[in-house]
């Protein structure tokens, strides 16, 4: 496998990496996605009633998104959305470690230490993926990438852990499909608007921080 994403929520795969996924998949390289929660604690925008209905809606949205991307390998877990930090670490680490061992990706991608935006699930996912990666024998570790933006965070706490990108992919060839994939996450329309308003350049250019061994 070329690239394995390990992220907490449905939609965490699409904004910053869908063009990269489509590039690799076009070139015949396998990719995969591990989603740790069902996203039941997100905003409903009045589209559904309650967490369980939202989780079912987001499952349908994610499957539609992955069909647009062309990504067939997906593992869905049901750890509690918004409360990953309160969960025992070993089961979460085991999911990440086992996925890396089974798929043997060249690259694993997750959130940076500050979670990109400070979201506690993003931060916890970074911590468990990094711990699982550290637990592998040095010769068996994939390359480790984090989502990264050229735009420094305005929040001082986030800025102290900001890692500027050192890897860039021009994904402009896939911009139409990327926008279609983003739009599949209909319940997350406000997140989409915020992302495009703050980071319009990241629609056509996907940027990452590669950890140096």
C-alpha atoms as a PDB file:
ATOM      1  CA  UNK A   1       0.000   0.000   0.000  1.00  0.00           C
ATOM      2  CA  UNK A   2       1.236   3.483  -0.859  1.00  0.00           C
ATOM      3  CA  UNK A   3      -0.706   5.659   1.611  1.00  0.00           C
ATOM      4  CA  UNK A   4      -2.784   4.862   4.712  1.00  0.00           C
ATOM      5  CA  UNK A   5      -4.786   7.610   6.435  1.00  0.00           C
ATOM      6  CA  UNK A   6      -5.706   7.240  10.104  1.00  0.00           C
ATOM      7  CA  UNK A   7      -8.145   9.983  11.164  1.00  0.00           C
ATOM      8  CA  UNK A   8     -10.907  10.407  13.747  1.00  0.00           C
ATOM      9  CA  UNK A   9     -13.901  11.635  11.737  1.00  0.00           C
ATOM     10  CA  UNK A  10     -15.754  11.095   8.481  1.00  0.00           C
ATOM     11  CA  UNK A  11     -14.625  14.061   6.309  1.00  0.00           C
ATOM     12  CA  UNK A  12     -11.084  14.242   7.784  1.00  0.00           C
ATOM     13  CA  UNK A  13      -9.860  12.414   4.690  1.00  0.00           C
ATOM     14  CA  UNK A  14     -11.239  14.762   2.067  1.00  0.00           C
ATOM     15  CA  UNK A  15     -10.114  18.367   2.582  1.00  0.00           C
ATOM     16  CA  UNK A  16      -6.383  17.838   2.815  1.00  0.00           C
ATOM     17  CA  UNK A  17      -5.678  14.514   1.112  1.00  0.00           C
ATOM     18  CA  UNK A  18      -8.325  13.503  -1.428  1.00  0.00           C
ATOM     19  CA  UNK A  19      -6.343  14.873  -4.371  1.00  0.00           C
ATOM     20  CA  UNK A  20      -3.243  13.000  -3.219  1.00  0.00           C
ATOM     21  CA  UNK A  21      -5.287   9.819  -2.858  1.00  0.00           C
ATOM     22  CA  UNK A  22      -6.708  10.250  -6.357  1.00  0.00           C
ATOM     23  CA  UNK A  23      -3.202  10.815  -7.733  1.00  0.00           C
ATOM     24  CA  UNK A  24      -1.843   7.619  -6.232  1.00  0.00           C
ATOM     25  CA  UNK A  25      -4.923   5.593  -7.150  1.00  0.00           C
ATOM     26  CA  UNK A  26      -4.725   6.828 -10.759  1.00  0.00           C
ATOM     27  CA  UNK A  27      -1.165   5.523 -10.855  1.00  0.00           C
ATOM     28  CA  UNK A  28      -2.295   2.073  -9.698  1.00  0.00           C
ATOM     29  CA  UNK A  29      -1.034   2.408  -6.132  1.00  0.00           C
ATOM     30  CA  UNK A  30      -3.248   1.063  -3.340  1.00  0.00           C
ATOM     31  CA  UNK A  31      -4.389   3.425  -0.590  1.00  0.00           C
ATOM     32  CA  UNK A  32      -6.528   2.991   2.519  1.00  0.00           C
ATOM     33  CA  UNK A  33      -8.431   4.847   5.218  1.00  0.00           C
ATOM     34  CA  UNK A  34      -9.069   4.125   8.907  1.00  0.00           C
ATOM     35  CA  UNK A  35     -11.825   6.252  10.506  1.00  0.00           C
ATOM     36  CA  UNK A  36     -11.915   5.999  14.299  1.00  0.00           C
ATOM     37  CA  UNK A  37     -15.386   7.461  15.066  1.00  0.00           C
ATOM     38  CA  UNK A  38     -18.752   7.658  13.356  1.00  0.00           C
ATOM     39  CA  UNK A  39     -18.897  11.460  13.744  1.00  0.00           C
ATOM     40  CA  UNK A  40     -22.058  11.354  15.824  1.00  0.00           C
ATOM     41  CA  UNK A  41     -21.160  14.459  17.869  1.00  0.00           C
ATOM     42  CA  UNK A  42     -20.953  16.803  14.888  1.00  0.00           C
ATOM     43  CA  UNK A  43     -23.328  19.556  13.849  1.00  0.00           C
ATOM     44  CA  UNK A  44     -26.567  18.352  12.254  1.00  0.00           C
ATOM     45  CA  UNK A  45     -27.559  21.613  10.476  1.00  0.00           C
ATOM     46  CA  UNK A  46     -31.126  20.487  11.041  1.00  0.00           C
ATOM     47  CA  UNK A  47     -30.714  17.597   8.604  1.00  0.00           C
ATOM     48  CA  UNK A  48     -31.368  14.879  11.188  1.00  0.00           C
ATOM     49  CA  UNK A  49     -32.412  14.275  14.776  1.00  0.00           C
ATOM     50  CA  UNK A  50     -29.884  13.091  17.306  1.00  0.00           C
ATOM     51  CA  UNK A  51     -26.455  11.463  17.344  1.00  0.00           C
ATOM     52  CA  UNK A  52     -27.432   8.039  16.012  1.00  0.00           C
ATOM     53  CA  UNK A  53     -29.226   9.441  12.987  1.00  0.00           C
ATOM     54  CA  UNK A  54     -26.282  11.747  12.327  1.00  0.00           C
ATOM     55  CA  UNK A  55     -23.866   8.815  12.524  1.00  0.00           C
ATOM     56  CA  UNK A  56     -25.921   6.912   9.933  1.00  0.00           C
ATOM     57  CA  UNK A  57     -26.072   9.976   7.692  1.00  0.00           C
ATOM     58  CA  UNK A  58     -22.332  10.507   7.908  1.00  0.00           C
ATOM     59  CA  UNK A  59     -21.713   6.854   7.061  1.00  0.00           C
ATOM     60  CA  UNK A  60     -23.676   7.314   3.838  1.00  0.00           C
ATOM     61  CA  UNK A  61     -21.881  10.595   3.113  1.00  0.00           C
ATOM     62  CA  UNK A  62     -18.475   9.018   3.647  1.00  0.00           C
ATOM     63  CA  UNK A  63     -19.229   6.079   1.375  1.00  0.00           C
ATOM     64  CA  UNK A  64     -20.360   8.491  -1.349  1.00  0.00           C
ATOM     65  CA  UNK A  65     -17.155  10.494  -0.891  1.00  0.00           C
ATOM     66  CA  UNK A  66     -14.963   7.390  -1.121  1.00  0.00           C
ATOM     67  CA  UNK A  67     -16.750   6.323  -4.301  1.00  0.00           C
ATOM     68  CA  UNK A  68     -15.868   9.684  -5.875  1.00  0.00           C
ATOM     69  CA  UNK A  69     -12.254   9.334  -4.739  1.00  0.00           C
ATOM     70  CA  UNK A  70     -12.191   5.701  -5.883  1.00  0.00           C
ATOM     71  CA  UNK A  71     -10.936   4.394  -2.537  1.00  0.00           C
ATOM     72  CA  UNK A  72     -12.154   0.857  -1.786  1.00  0.00           C
ATOM     73  CA  UNK A  73     -10.141   0.124   1.392  1.00  0.00           C
ATOM     74  CA  UNK A  74     -11.862   1.611   4.443  1.00  0.00           C
ATOM     75  CA  UNK A  75     -12.076   0.514   8.073  1.00  0.00           C
ATOM     76  CA  UNK A  76     -14.798   2.135  10.171  1.00  0.00           C
ATOM     77  CA  UNK A  77     -14.526   2.058  13.958  1.00  0.00           C
ATOM     78  CA  UNK A  78     -16.968   3.288  16.592  1.00  0.00           C
ATOM     79  CA  UNK A  79     -14.925   4.976  19.280  1.00  0.00           C
ATOM     80  CA  UNK A  80     -16.953   7.846  20.818  1.00  0.00           C
ATOM     81  CA  UNK A  81     -16.815  11.046  18.810  1.00  0.00           C
ATOM     82  CA  UNK A  82     -15.482  14.076  20.740  1.00  0.00           C
ATOM     83  CA  UNK A  83     -14.313  11.847  23.605  1.00  0.00           C
ATOM     84  CA  UNK A  84     -11.278  10.027  22.231  1.00  0.00           C
ATOM     85  CA  UNK A  85      -9.109  11.708  24.871  1.00  0.00           C
ATOM     86  CA  UNK A  86     -11.119   9.938  27.582  1.00  0.00           C
ATOM     87  CA  UNK A  87     -10.674   6.463  26.092  1.00  0.00           C
ATOM     88  CA  UNK A  88      -8.021   3.947  27.162  1.00  0.00           C
ATOM     89  CA  UNK A  89      -5.052   4.480  24.873  1.00  0.00           C
ATOM     90  CA  UNK A  90      -4.092   0.868  24.217  1.00  0.00           C
ATOM     91  CA  UNK A  91      -7.208  -0.098  22.182  1.00  0.00           C
ATOM     92  CA  UNK A  92      -6.767   3.011  20.019  1.00  0.00           C
ATOM     93  CA  UNK A  93      -3.057   2.363  19.596  1.00  0.00           C
ATOM     94  CA  UNK A  94      -3.801  -1.258  18.743  1.00  0.00           C
ATOM     95  CA  UNK A  95      -6.108  -0.209  15.890  1.00  0.00           C
ATOM     96  CA  UNK A  96      -3.418   2.055  14.436  1.00  0.00           C
ATOM     97  CA  UNK A  97      -0.577  -0.417  14.940  1.00  0.00           C
ATOM     98  CA  UNK A  98      -2.516  -3.358  13.515  1.00  0.00           C
ATOM     99  CA  UNK A  99      -3.564  -1.357  10.459  1.00  0.00           C
ATOM    100  CA  UNK A 100       0.029  -0.368   9.772  1.00  0.00           C
ATOM    101  CA  UNK A 101       1.242  -3.940  10.205  1.00  0.00           C
ATOM    102  CA  UNK A 102      -1.501  -5.441   8.042  1.00  0.00           C
ATOM    103  CA  UNK A 103      -1.439  -2.934   5.183  1.00  0.00           C
ATOM    104  CA  UNK A 104       2.310  -2.214   5.361  1.00  0.00           C
ATOM    105  CA  UNK A 105       1.924   1.251   3.835  1.00  0.00           C
ATOM    106  CA  UNK A 106       4.855   3.175   2.481  1.00  0.00           C
ATOM    107  CA  UNK A 107       3.341   6.298   4.107  1.00  0.00           C
ATOM    108  CA  UNK A 108       0.923   6.796   7.009  1.00  0.00           C
ATOM    109  CA  UNK A 109      -0.866  10.150   7.295  1.00  0.00           C
ATOM    110  CA  UNK A 110      -2.562  11.662  10.326  1.00  0.00           C
ATOM    111  CA  UNK A 111      -2.935  14.964  12.180  1.00  0.00           C
ATOM    112  CA  UNK A 112       0.005  16.977  13.561  1.00  0.00           C
ATOM    113  CA  UNK A 113       0.684  17.455  17.295  1.00  0.00           C
ATOM    114  CA  UNK A 114      -1.664  20.457  17.553  1.00  0.00           C
ATOM    115  CA  UNK A 115      -4.422  18.606  15.693  1.00  0.00           C
ATOM    116  CA  UNK A 116      -4.322  21.317  12.986  1.00  0.00           C
ATOM    117  CA  UNK A 117      -7.110  23.223  14.742  1.00  0.00           C
ATOM    118  CA  UNK A 118      -6.788  22.005  18.330  1.00  0.00           C
ATOM    119  CA  UNK A 119      -9.745  19.610  18.120  1.00  0.00           C
ATOM    120  CA  UNK A 120      -9.193  17.120  20.980  1.00  0.00           C
ATOM    121  CA  UNK A 121     -10.000  14.130  18.754  1.00  0.00           C
ATOM    122  CA  UNK A 122      -7.420  15.319  16.216  1.00  0.00           C
ATOM    123  CA  UNK A 123      -4.813  15.730  18.958  1.00  0.00           C
ATOM    124  CA  UNK A 124      -5.551  12.322  20.461  1.00  0.00           C
ATOM    125  CA  UNK A 125      -5.393  10.679  17.045  1.00  0.00           C
ATOM    126  CA  UNK A 126      -1.974  12.237  16.489  1.00  0.00           C
ATOM    127  CA  UNK A 127      -0.814  10.903  19.838  1.00  0.00           C
ATOM    128  CA  UNK A 128      -2.010   7.345  19.330  1.00  0.00           C
ATOM    129  CA  UNK A 129      -0.765   7.080  15.737  1.00  0.00           C
ATOM    130  CA  UNK A 130       2.647   8.463  16.734  1.00  0.00           C
ATOM    131  CA  UNK A 131       2.822   6.070  19.703  1.00  0.00           C
ATOM    132  CA  UNK A 132       1.841   3.117  17.498  1.00  0.00           C
ATOM    133  CA  UNK A 133       4.428   4.172  14.911  1.00  0.00           C
ATOM    134  CA  UNK A 134       7.104   4.499  17.612  1.00  0.00           C
ATOM    135  CA  UNK A 135       6.256   0.993  18.861  1.00  0.00           C
ATOM    136  CA  UNK A 136       7.107  -0.621  15.530  1.00  0.00           C
ATOM    137  CA  UNK A 137      10.650  -1.854  14.892  1.00  0.00           C
ATOM    138  CA  UNK A 138      12.616   0.894  13.148  1.00  0.00           C
ATOM    139  CA  UNK A 139      12.916  -1.118   9.939  1.00  0.00           C
ATOM    140  CA  UNK A 140       9.149  -1.670   9.759  1.00  0.00           C
ATOM    141  CA  UNK A 141       7.986   1.919  10.210  1.00  0.00           C
ATOM    142  CA  UNK A 142       6.332   3.640   7.267  1.00  0.00           C
ATOM    143  CA  UNK A 143       7.126   7.235   6.409  1.00  0.00           C
ATOM    144  CA  UNK A 144       5.050   9.426   8.729  1.00  0.00           C
ATOM    145  CA  UNK A 145       3.181  12.429   7.340  1.00  0.00           C
ATOM    146  CA  UNK A 146       1.062  15.023   9.108  1.00  0.00           C
ATOM    147  CA  UNK A 147      -1.437  17.422   7.610  1.00  0.00           C
ATOM    148  CA  UNK A 148       0.320  20.799   7.382  1.00  0.00           C
ATOM    149  CA  UNK A 149      -0.560  24.308   6.285  1.00  0.00           C
ATOM    150  CA  UNK A 150       1.603  27.215   5.190  1.00  0.00           C
ATOM    151  CA  UNK A 151      -0.690  29.489   7.197  1.00  0.00           C
ATOM    152  CA  UNK A 152       0.519  29.741  10.822  1.00  0.00           C
ATOM    153  CA  UNK A 153      -2.239  29.380  13.433  1.00  0.00           C
ATOM    154  CA  UNK A 154      -3.401  32.586  15.066  1.00  0.00           C
ATOM    155  CA  UNK A 155      -3.862  30.796  18.393  1.00  0.00           C
ATOM    156  CA  UNK A 156      -0.620  30.924  20.400  1.00  0.00           C
ATOM    157  CA  UNK A 157      -1.058  27.440  21.844  1.00  0.00           C
ATOM    158  CA  UNK A 158      -1.515  25.964  18.368  1.00  0.00           C
ATOM    159  CA  UNK A 159       1.330  28.057  16.968  1.00  0.00           C
ATOM    160  CA  UNK A 160       3.806  26.608  19.465  1.00  0.00           C
ATOM    161  CA  UNK A 161       3.269  23.160  17.909  1.00  0.00           C
ATOM    162  CA  UNK A 162       2.894  24.269  14.293  1.00  0.00           C
ATOM    163  CA  UNK A 163       4.863  22.262  11.751  1.00  0.00           C
ATOM    164  CA  UNK A 164       5.113  23.995   8.351  1.00  0.00           C
ATOM    165  CA  UNK A 165       4.867  21.726   5.311  1.00  0.00           C
ATOM    166  CA  UNK A 166       7.913  20.156   3.728  1.00  0.00           C
ATOM    167  CA  UNK A 167       6.019  18.060   1.162  1.00  0.00           C
ATOM    168  CA  UNK A 168       3.712  19.466  -1.520  1.00  0.00           C
ATOM    169  CA  UNK A 169       1.427  17.930  -4.109  1.00  0.00           C
ATOM    170  CA  UNK A 170      -0.190  19.810  -6.969  1.00  0.00           C
ATOM    171  CA  UNK A 171      -3.639  18.215  -7.224  1.00  0.00           C
ATOM    172  CA  UNK A 172      -5.189  20.756  -9.601  1.00  0.00           C
ATOM    173  CA  UNK A 173      -5.798  17.968 -12.138  1.00  0.00           C
ATOM    174  CA  UNK A 174      -8.353  16.534  -9.696  1.00  0.00           C
ATOM    175  CA  UNK A 175      -9.977  19.752  -8.494  1.00  0.00           C
ATOM    176  CA  UNK A 176     -13.406  18.935  -9.959  1.00  0.00           C
ATOM    177  CA  UNK A 177     -13.523  15.490  -8.362  1.00  0.00           C
ATOM    178  CA  UNK A 178     -12.100  16.845  -5.119  1.00  0.00           C
ATOM    179  CA  UNK A 179     -14.862  19.441  -4.862  1.00  0.00           C
ATOM    180  CA  UNK A 180     -17.425  16.750  -5.642  1.00  0.00           C
ATOM    181  CA  UNK A 181     -15.950  14.514  -2.920  1.00  0.00           C
ATOM    182  CA  UNK A 182     -16.003  17.377  -0.401  1.00  0.00           C
ATOM    183  CA  UNK A 183     -19.639  18.106  -1.279  1.00  0.00           C
ATOM    184  CA  UNK A 184     -20.611  14.520  -0.425  1.00  0.00           C
ATOM    185  CA  UNK A 185     -20.203  15.479   3.244  1.00  0.00           C
ATOM    186  CA  UNK A 186     -23.417  17.490   3.141  1.00  0.00           C
ATOM    187  CA  UNK A 187     -23.905  17.569   6.909  1.00  0.00           C
ATOM    188  CA  UNK A 188     -20.516  19.276   7.267  1.00  0.00           C
ATOM    189  CA  UNK A 189     -21.310  22.232   5.016  1.00  0.00           C
ATOM    190  CA  UNK A 190     -20.136  24.793   7.579  1.00  0.00           C
ATOM    191  CA  UNK A 191     -16.774  23.039   7.863  1.00  0.00           C
ATOM    192  CA  UNK A 192     -16.502  23.140   4.069  1.00  0.00           C
ATOM    193  CA  UNK A 193     -17.258  26.853   3.942  1.00  0.00           C
ATOM    194  CA  UNK A 194     -14.739  27.575   6.718  1.00  0.00           C
ATOM    195  CA  UNK A 195     -12.021  25.519   5.007  1.00  0.00           C
ATOM    196  CA  UNK A 196     -12.459  27.166   1.614  1.00  0.00           C
ATOM    197  CA  UNK A 197     -12.622  30.640   3.183  1.00  0.00           C
ATOM    198  CA  UNK A 198      -9.450  30.156   5.245  1.00  0.00           C
ATOM    199  CA  UNK A 199      -7.421  27.886   2.974  1.00  0.00           C
ATOM    200  CA  UNK A 200      -8.569  28.269  -0.659  1.00  0.00           C
ATOM    201  CA  UNK A 201      -5.067  27.412  -1.896  1.00  0.00           C
ATOM    202  CA  UNK A 202      -5.334  23.969  -0.289  1.00  0.00           C
ATOM    203  CA  UNK A 203      -8.010  22.936  -2.771  1.00  0.00           C
ATOM    204  CA  UNK A 204      -5.424  22.675  -5.551  1.00  0.00           C
ATOM    205  CA  UNK A 205      -2.280  22.126  -3.447  1.00  0.00           C
ATOM    206  CA  UNK A 206      -2.106  19.522  -0.672  1.00  0.00           C
ATOM    207  CA  UNK A 207       0.676  20.061   1.828  1.00  0.00           C
ATOM    208  CA  UNK A 208       2.144  17.782   4.474  1.00  0.00           C
ATOM    209  CA  UNK A 209       4.902  17.629   7.051  1.00  0.00           C
ATOM    210  CA  UNK A 210       7.044  14.493   6.743  1.00  0.00           C
ATOM    211  CA  UNK A 211       8.663  13.429  10.006  1.00  0.00           C
ATOM    212  CA  UNK A 212      12.397  13.014   9.554  1.00  0.00           C
ATOM    213  CA  UNK A 213      13.807   9.817  11.057  1.00  0.00           C
END
